[in-house]
Amino acid sequence: MREVKVRIPTLDDILPKEFKEHMANAYKETLLALRSLIDAKIKKIEEGREKRLKKIEIQ
């Protein structure tokens, strides 16, 4: 009996290099956008904490 091998192309075989580069950059930009949201929330929490802990001098 003869053996038949069939090669099934992967996405790396099908997708152009430029497409993969654009997708990698888009993924990076998405992560940076999420980081900016997280940083903004952290800043808001820290500012709220400072307001609550503001020292008041009594005469």
C-alpha atoms as a PDB file:
ATOM      1  CA  MET A   1       0.000   0.000   0.000  1.00  0.00           C
ATOM      2  CA  ARG A   2       1.294   3.478  -0.872  1.00  0.00           C
ATOM      3  CA  GLU A   3       1.493   6.270   1.634  1.00  0.00           C
ATOM      4  CA  VAL A   4      -0.020   9.622   0.704  1.00  0.00           C
ATOM      5  CA  LYS A   5       1.021  12.728   2.596  1.00  0.00           C
ATOM      6  CA  VAL A   6      -1.071  15.849   2.475  1.00  0.00           C
ATOM      7  CA  ARG A   7       0.321  19.113   3.772  1.00  0.00           C
ATOM      8  CA  ILE A   8      -2.305  21.349   5.333  1.00  0.00           C
ATOM      9  CA  PRO A   9      -1.211  25.001   5.290  1.00  0.00           C
ATOM     10  CA  THR A  10      -1.093  26.867   8.585  1.00  0.00           C
ATOM     11  CA  LEU A  11      -2.091  30.488   9.125  1.00  0.00           C
ATOM     12  CA  ASP A  12       1.573  31.430   8.926  1.00  0.00           C
ATOM     13  CA  ASP A  13       1.612  29.962   5.421  1.00  0.00           C
ATOM     14  CA  ILE A  14      -1.522  31.819   4.346  1.00  0.00           C
ATOM     15  CA  LEU A  15      -1.293  35.245   5.988  1.00  0.00           C
ATOM     16  CA  PRO A  16       1.059  37.851   4.546  1.00  0.00           C
ATOM     17  CA  LYS A  17       3.878  39.123   6.745  1.00  0.00           C
ATOM     18  CA  GLU A  18       2.476  42.682   6.645  1.00  0.00           C
ATOM     19  CA  PHE A  19      -0.881  41.474   7.994  1.00  0.00           C
ATOM     20  CA  LYS A  20       0.792  39.708  10.899  1.00  0.00           C
ATOM     21  CA  GLU A  21       2.833  42.828  11.688  1.00  0.00           C
ATOM     22  CA  HIS A  22      -0.296  45.020  11.671  1.00  0.00           C
ATOM     23  CA  MET A  23      -2.120  42.583  13.928  1.00  0.00           C
ATOM     24  CA  ALA A  24       0.799  42.477  16.360  1.00  0.00           C
ATOM     25  CA  ASN A  25       0.858  46.286  16.457  1.00  0.00           C
ATOM     26  CA  ALA A  26      -2.916  46.438  16.938  1.00  0.00           C
ATOM     27  CA  TYR A  27      -2.651  43.968  19.824  1.00  0.00           C
ATOM     28  CA  LYS A  28       0.076  46.089  21.404  1.00  0.00           C
ATOM     29  CA  GLU A  29      -2.033  49.250  21.029  1.00  0.00           C
ATOM     30  CA  THR A  30      -4.996  47.475  22.623  1.00  0.00           C
ATOM     31  CA  LEU A  31      -2.855  46.532  25.609  1.00  0.00           C
ATOM     32  CA  LEU A  32      -1.547  50.104  25.881  1.00  0.00           C
ATOM     33  CA  ALA A  33      -5.129  51.430  25.803  1.00  0.00           C
ATOM     34  CA  LEU A  34      -6.113  49.052  28.593  1.00  0.00           C
ATOM     35  CA  ARG A  35      -3.069  50.092  30.591  1.00  0.00           C
ATOM     36  CA  SER A  36      -4.091  53.751  30.273  1.00  0.00           C
ATOM     37  CA  LEU A  37      -7.542  52.890  31.671  1.00  0.00           C
ATOM     38  CA  ILE A  38      -5.978  51.021  34.570  1.00  0.00           C
ATOM     39  CA  ASP A  39      -3.508  53.848  35.254  1.00  0.00           C
ATOM     40  CA  ALA A  40      -6.343  56.398  35.244  1.00  0.00           C
ATOM     41  CA  LYS A  41      -8.350  54.327  37.732  1.00  0.00           C
ATOM     42  CA  ILE A  42      -5.319  53.906  40.003  1.00  0.00           C
ATOM     43  CA  LYS A  43      -4.713  57.673  39.891  1.00  0.00           C
ATOM     44  CA  LYS A  44      -8.368  58.351  40.774  1.00  0.00           C
ATOM     45  CA  ILE A  45      -8.184  55.936  43.712  1.00  0.00           C
ATOM     46  CA  GLU A  46      -4.952  57.515  44.986  1.00  0.00           C
ATOM     47  CA  GLU A  47      -6.359  61.047  44.661  1.00  0.00           C
ATOM     48  CA  GLY A  48      -9.460  59.995  46.593  1.00  0.00           C
ATOM     49  CA  ARG A  49      -7.313  58.485  49.304  1.00  0.00           C
ATOM     50  CA  GLU A  50      -5.299  61.717  49.605  1.00  0.00           C
ATOM     51  CA  LYS A  51      -8.479  63.774  49.942  1.00  0.00           C
ATOM     52  CA  ARG A  52      -9.821  61.518  52.676  1.00  0.00           C
ATOM     53  CA  LEU A  53      -6.528  61.561  54.561  1.00  0.00           C
ATOM     54  CA  LYS A  54      -5.981  65.295  54.348  1.00  0.00           C
ATOM     55  CA  LYS A  55      -4.609  66.612  57.622  1.00  0.00           C
ATOM     56  CA  ILE A  56      -6.586  69.413  59.224  1.00  0.00           C
ATOM     57  CA  GLU A  57      -4.936  71.630  61.790  1.00  0.00           C
ATOM     58  CA  ILE A  58      -7.052  72.648  64.786  1.00  0.00           C
ATOM     59  CA  GLN A  59      -6.213  75.873  66.580  1.00  0.00           C
END
